[in-house]
């Protein structure tokens, strides 16, 4: 009987630590969300003491202590969170807030500057959180903001990623005889890292493409998709034109052919688009499409 009781007690007791831990987290999180910093700090102190590798508990303990003005203790908890795996950039922002709370603005700026060099993002936090209000007019802080915004939008500041900007817009497309062929819209998306093309031909045909600069390959790429054709071409600027080469693939026949596209901006604001394709493995090319892009409204 005593053995049965022991087994029963073991089975009953096994889930309790996990349940208590969940309840403790819930209590701590509720206090944190309510900005009851005293209760939150106490709850997270217990959790952090029970598990030094609890990143969330250590981080939120640091935040809670900062709000209570316990800055030295906040730094201790933040260091523990960093050791447990807190992302360095997140740790840097909180460290800067703690340092500002201690009246150490130069050290806070140094922390943010170092983090910006390592890829810090979150300009909304730097401009919106009240802890940074005293730094808003500081030249160094403004430089940090600029660096952070560049980290958030790398394509806007990379000249190679801007090379195809001359194609952005809404266009009326005509052939060499001035006969309208359709309209094309090219818009930037995803922080200006991709150009989305949406084509509507006068006879009802449609298609779209994604165009982007691939920094890993150091080249531009276009992937065109329509109900009839898939075109996958890559390359870059050459003698003032965007020149992309690759293949075209036809849904109906399954045939794959060498393909080349050339976009040339003219001084009058018109963009010439010239496509050519090979049926002999790339030995020779024949014209596939030529269009002249005029801004809608011209």
Protein backbone atom coordinates (compact mmCIF):
# COMPACT_ATOMS: atom_id res chain seq x y z
CA UNK A 1 0.00 0.00 0.00
CA UNK A 2 2.80 2.40 0.89
CA UNK A 3 4.38 1.83 -2.52
CA UNK A 4 1.04 2.55 -4.23
CA UNK A 5 0.68 5.77 -2.27
CA UNK A 6 4.21 6.81 -3.20
CA UNK A 7 3.56 6.20 -6.91
CA UNK A 8 0.25 8.05 -6.68
CA UNK A 9 1.85 11.01 -4.98
CA UNK A 10 4.62 11.11 -7.57
CA UNK A 11 2.08 11.14 -10.40
CA UNK A 12 0.05 13.87 -8.76
CA UNK A 13 3.03 16.02 -7.97
CA UNK A 14 4.77 15.82 -11.39
CA UNK A 15 2.70 18.43 -13.24
CA UNK A 16 2.66 20.92 -10.38
CA UNK A 17 6.00 22.68 -11.01
CA UNK A 18 5.07 23.34 -14.66
CA UNK A 19 1.62 24.57 -13.67
CA UNK A 20 3.07 26.83 -11.01
CA UNK A 21 5.65 28.16 -13.46
CA UNK A 22 2.91 28.96 -15.99
CA UNK A 23 0.88 30.69 -13.30
CA UNK A 24 3.92 32.70 -12.16
CA UNK A 25 4.58 33.83 -15.74
CA UNK A 26 0.95 34.80 -16.15
CA UNK A 27 1.04 36.80 -12.92
CA UNK A 28 4.28 38.51 -13.86
CA UNK A 29 3.09 39.27 -17.39
CA UNK A 30 -0.20 40.70 -16.14
CA UNK A 31 1.64 43.05 -13.77
CA UNK A 32 4.04 44.02 -16.56
CA UNK A 33 1.23 44.84 -18.97
CA UNK A 34 -0.51 46.84 -16.26
CA UNK A 35 2.77 48.71 -15.62
CA UNK A 36 2.63 47.68 -11.99
CA UNK A 37 6.40 47.72 -11.86
CA UNK A 38 6.75 46.76 -8.21
CA UNK A 39 4.69 43.61 -8.59
CA UNK A 40 6.25 42.83 -11.95
CA UNK A 41 9.78 43.17 -10.59
CA UNK A 42 8.99 40.86 -7.67
CA UNK A 43 7.40 38.23 -9.90
CA UNK A 44 10.18 38.29 -12.47
CA UNK A 45 12.81 38.16 -9.75
CA UNK A 46 11.33 34.85 -8.61
CA UNK A 47 11.23 33.52 -12.16
CA UNK A 48 14.78 34.65 -12.92
CA UNK A 49 16.04 33.14 -9.68
CA UNK A 50 14.39 29.83 -10.56
CA UNK A 51 15.80 29.83 -14.09
CA UNK A 52 18.71 32.12 -14.95
CA UNK A 53 18.28 31.20 -18.64
CA UNK A 54 14.72 32.60 -18.75
CA UNK A 55 15.44 35.40 -21.22
CA UNK A 56 12.02 37.02 -21.02
CA UNK A 57 12.02 37.05 -17.24
CA UNK A 58 15.52 38.57 -17.09
CA UNK A 59 14.72 41.19 -19.73
CA UNK A 60 11.40 42.21 -18.21
CA UNK A 61 13.02 42.28 -14.80
CA UNK A 62 15.52 44.79 -16.17
CA UNK A 63 12.70 46.92 -17.62
CA UNK A 64 10.70 46.78 -14.39
CA UNK A 65 13.69 47.74 -12.27
CA UNK A 66 14.47 50.65 -14.60
CA UNK A 67 10.97 52.01 -14.17
CA UNK A 68 11.46 51.76 -10.40
CA UNK A 69 14.71 53.73 -10.63
CA UNK A 70 16.80 50.70 -9.62
CA UNK A 71 19.23 51.24 -12.47
CA UNK A 72 22.24 49.27 -11.23
CA UNK A 73 20.05 46.24 -10.58
CA UNK A 74 18.42 46.76 -13.97
CA UNK A 75 21.83 46.52 -15.64
CA UNK A 76 22.53 43.29 -13.78
CA UNK A 77 19.31 41.75 -15.04
CA UNK A 78 19.95 43.01 -18.55
CA UNK A 79 23.44 41.47 -18.56
CA UNK A 80 21.87 38.18 -17.44
CA UNK A 81 19.31 38.42 -20.24
CA UNK A 82 22.07 39.10 -22.78
CA UNK A 83 24.03 36.09 -21.51
CA UNK A 84 20.89 33.98 -21.85
CA UNK A 85 20.46 34.95 -25.51
CA UNK A 86 18.65 38.29 -25.66
CA UNK A 87 19.29 39.81 -29.13
CA UNK A 88 22.13 42.30 -28.90
CA UNK A 89 20.23 45.16 -30.56
CA UNK A 90 17.28 44.78 -28.16
CA UNK A 91 19.68 44.73 -25.24
CA UNK A 92 21.37 47.87 -26.57
CA UNK A 93 18.15 49.88 -26.65
CA UNK A 94 17.27 48.92 -23.08
CA UNK A 95 20.84 49.57 -21.93
CA UNK A 96 20.66 53.05 -23.44
CA UNK A 97 17.42 53.73 -21.55
CA UNK A 98 18.98 52.58 -18.28
CA UNK A 99 22.05 54.73 -18.86
CA UNK A 100 19.84 57.73 -19.58
CA UNK A 101 18.02 57.04 -16.34
CA UNK A 102 21.37 57.22 -14.57
CA UNK A 103 22.11 60.55 -16.24
CA UNK A 104 24.77 59.08 -18.52
CA UNK A 105 23.71 60.42 -21.90
CA UNK A 106 27.16 60.16 -23.59
CA UNK A 107 27.39 56.47 -22.68
CA UNK A 108 23.83 55.92 -23.90
CA UNK A 109 24.70 57.50 -27.23
CA UNK A 110 27.82 55.36 -27.53
CA UNK A 111 25.68 52.27 -26.94
CA UNK A 112 23.20 53.28 -29.64
CA UNK A 113 25.95 54.21 -32.09
CA UNK A 114 27.60 50.82 -31.68
CA UNK A 115 24.26 49.05 -32.08
CA UNK A 116 23.46 51.05 -35.23
CA UNK A 117 26.72 49.84 -36.77
CA UNK A 118 25.66 46.28 -35.99
CA UNK A 119 22.32 46.67 -37.78
CA UNK A 120 20.00 48.18 -35.17
CA UNK A 121 16.45 48.79 -36.45
CA UNK A 122 13.41 50.26 -34.74
CA UNK A 123 13.45 53.97 -35.54
CA UNK A 124 9.85 54.18 -34.27
CA UNK A 125 11.09 53.21 -30.80
CA UNK A 126 13.83 55.82 -30.84
CA UNK A 127 11.49 58.57 -32.01
CA UNK A 128 8.44 57.51 -30.00
CA UNK A 129 9.64 56.30 -26.60
CA UNK A 130 9.67 59.03 -23.98
CA UNK A 131 13.03 57.89 -22.57
CA UNK A 132 14.75 59.28 -25.68
CA UNK A 133 12.90 62.63 -25.71
CA UNK A 134 15.85 64.49 -24.19
CA UNK A 135 18.09 63.35 -27.07
CA UNK A 136 15.85 64.31 -29.98
CA UNK A 137 17.77 67.53 -30.74
CA UNK A 138 21.20 65.98 -30.19
CA UNK A 139 23.30 65.79 -33.37
CA UNK A 140 24.72 62.38 -32.44
CA UNK A 141 21.24 61.01 -31.80
CA UNK A 142 20.08 62.32 -35.18
CA UNK A 143 23.01 60.50 -36.78
CA UNK A 144 21.96 57.33 -34.99
CA UNK A 145 18.42 57.76 -36.34
CA UNK A 146 19.75 58.17 -39.87
CA UNK A 147 21.85 55.02 -39.53
CA UNK A 148 18.90 53.07 -38.12
CA UNK A 149 16.64 54.20 -40.96
CA UNK A 150 19.30 53.05 -43.43
CA UNK A 151 19.36 49.67 -41.68
CA UNK A 152 15.58 49.44 -41.99
CA UNK A 153 15.54 50.44 -45.66
CA UNK A 154 18.86 49.32 -47.16
CA UNK A 155 17.62 49.38 -50.74
CA UNK A 156 16.76 53.08 -50.58
CA UNK A 157 20.39 53.88 -49.82
CA UNK A 158 22.10 51.38 -52.12
CA UNK A 159 22.89 52.97 -55.50
CA UNK A 160 22.92 49.57 -57.21
CA UNK A 161 19.37 48.93 -55.98
CA UNK A 162 18.25 52.25 -57.51
CA UNK A 163 19.57 51.61 -61.02
CA UNK A 164 16.18 50.58 -62.40
CA UNK A 165 14.32 53.56 -60.92
CA UNK A 166 13.98 55.09 -64.38
CA UNK A 167 11.38 52.41 -65.16
CA UNK A 168 9.16 53.22 -62.16
CA UNK A 169 5.85 54.86 -63.06
CA UNK A 170 2.63 54.38 -64.96
CA UNK A 171 3.20 54.10 -68.69
CA UNK A 172 1.39 54.11 -72.00
CA UNK A 173 3.26 51.68 -74.25
CA UNK A 174 3.37 52.04 -78.04
CA UNK A 175 5.26 50.21 -80.78
CA UNK A 176 7.70 51.73 -83.24
CA UNK A 177 4.82 53.02 -85.36
CA UNK A 178 3.13 54.72 -82.41
CA UNK A 179 0.35 52.14 -82.16
CA UNK A 180 -0.72 51.64 -78.56
CA UNK A 181 0.09 48.18 -77.19
CA UNK A 182 -1.11 48.52 -73.61
CA UNK A 183 -0.44 50.12 -70.27
CA UNK A 184 2.17 49.14 -67.72
CA UNK A 185 2.52 50.04 -64.06
CA UNK A 186 5.84 49.65 -62.25
CA UNK A 187 5.73 50.32 -58.51
CA UNK A 188 8.21 50.00 -55.68
CA UNK A 189 7.42 47.67 -52.79
CA UNK A 190 9.00 46.09 -49.72
CA UNK A 191 11.01 49.12 -48.69
CA UNK A 192 11.91 49.85 -52.32
CA UNK A 193 13.68 46.47 -52.60
CA UNK A 194 11.46 45.21 -55.40
CA UNK A 195 9.78 46.68 -58.47
CA UNK A 196 6.38 45.17 -59.23
CA UNK A 197 5.30 45.31 -62.85
CA UNK A 198 1.65 44.89 -63.87
CA UNK A 199 1.01 44.78 -67.60
CA UNK A 200 -2.35 45.04 -69.37
CA UNK A 201 -2.23 44.65 -73.16
CA UNK A 202 -4.76 46.24 -75.51
CA UNK A 203 -5.90 42.80 -76.71
CA UNK A 204 -6.57 41.54 -73.19
CA UNK A 205 -3.29 39.89 -72.29
CA UNK A 206 -1.90 40.47 -68.81
CA UNK A 207 1.20 39.63 -66.84
CA UNK A 208 3.37 40.74 -63.97
CA UNK A 209 6.98 40.66 -62.93
CA UNK A 210 9.18 41.10 -59.89
CA UNK A 211 12.42 42.98 -60.41
CA UNK A 212 15.07 43.29 -57.73
CA UNK A 213 18.75 43.77 -57.13
CA UNK A 214 20.33 40.68 -55.59
CA UNK A 215 23.33 41.85 -53.50
CA UNK A 216 24.53 38.28 -53.06
CA UNK A 217 24.83 37.79 -56.81
CA UNK A 218 25.55 41.48 -57.46
CA UNK A 219 23.06 41.58 -60.29
CA UNK A 220 19.51 42.51 -61.15
CA UNK A 221 16.89 39.85 -61.74
CA UNK A 222 13.47 39.84 -63.34
CA UNK A 223 10.91 37.07 -62.99
CA UNK A 224 7.99 37.57 -65.37
CA UNK A 225 4.86 35.43 -65.07
CA UNK A 226 1.83 35.29 -67.33
CA UNK A 227 -0.60 32.61 -68.43
CA UNK A 228 1.55 31.98 -71.49
CA UNK A 229 5.14 32.61 -70.49
CA UNK A 230 7.63 32.58 -67.65
CA UNK A 231 10.72 34.72 -68.18
CA UNK A 232 13.69 34.53 -65.83
CA UNK A 233 16.50 36.93 -66.69
CA UNK A 234 19.36 38.61 -64.83
CA UNK A 235 22.13 41.11 -65.43
CA UNK A 236 22.72 44.80 -64.88
CA UNK A 237 23.46 48.21 -66.31
CA UNK A 238 25.56 48.28 -69.48
CA UNK A 239 26.30 51.43 -71.47
CA UNK A 240 23.33 53.25 -69.97
CA UNK A 241 20.83 50.41 -70.45
CA UNK A 242 19.52 47.71 -68.17
CA UNK A 243 20.44 44.45 -69.88
CA UNK A 244 19.03 41.20 -68.51
CA UNK A 245 19.59 37.75 -70.02
CA UNK A 246 18.27 34.30 -69.28
CA UNK A 247 15.44 32.13 -70.54
CA UNK A 248 11.80 32.18 -71.57
CA UNK A 249 9.58 29.18 -70.94
CA UNK A 250 6.24 28.53 -72.66
CA UNK A 251 3.41 26.85 -70.76
CA UNK A 252 1.78 25.37 -73.84
CA UNK A 253 4.77 23.73 -75.53
CA UNK A 254 7.09 23.44 -72.56
CA UNK A 255 9.80 24.94 -74.76
CA UNK A 256 12.65 26.87 -73.14
CA UNK A 257 14.60 29.48 -75.09
CA UNK A 258 17.45 31.96 -74.51
CA UNK A 259 15.99 35.40 -73.91
CA UNK A 260 17.30 38.96 -73.53
CA UNK A 261 15.65 42.19 -72.38
CA UNK A 262 17.04 45.70 -72.77
CA UNK A 263 15.59 48.86 -71.18
CA UNK A 264 17.00 52.22 -72.26
CA UNK A 265 15.95 55.57 -70.74
CA UNK A 266 15.91 58.44 -73.23
CA UNK A 267 16.47 62.12 -72.58
CA UNK A 268 12.85 62.91 -73.53
CA UNK A 269 11.56 60.78 -70.62
CA UNK A 270 10.57 57.84 -72.84
CA UNK A 271 11.91 54.37 -72.01
CA UNK A 272 12.62 51.94 -74.84
CA UNK A 273 12.05 48.28 -74.04
CA UNK A 274 13.46 45.73 -76.45
CA UNK A 275 13.11 41.97 -76.09
CA UNK A 276 14.79 39.37 -78.25
CA UNK A 277 14.77 35.61 -78.23
CA UNK A 278 16.81 32.77 -79.71
CA UNK A 279 15.49 29.58 -81.30
CA UNK A 280 18.94 28.12 -81.99
CA UNK A 281 20.38 27.88 -78.50
CA UNK A 282 21.69 31.44 -78.40
CA UNK A 283 23.65 31.49 -81.66
CA UNK A 284 21.36 34.17 -83.07
CA UNK A 285 18.55 36.33 -81.69
CA UNK A 286 15.41 37.72 -83.30
CA UNK A 287 13.18 40.58 -82.08
CA UNK A 288 10.40 39.45 -79.69
CA UNK A 289 8.89 42.77 -78.63
CA UNK A 290 9.75 46.46 -78.85
CA UNK A 291 7.83 49.05 -76.88
CA UNK A 292 8.25 52.72 -76.10
CA UNK A 293 7.09 53.79 -72.67
CA UNK A 294 5.46 57.20 -72.41
CA UNK A 295 4.38 58.50 -69.00
CA UNK A 296 0.59 58.36 -68.67
CA UNK A 297 -0.73 61.85 -69.31
CA UNK A 298 1.86 62.77 -71.93
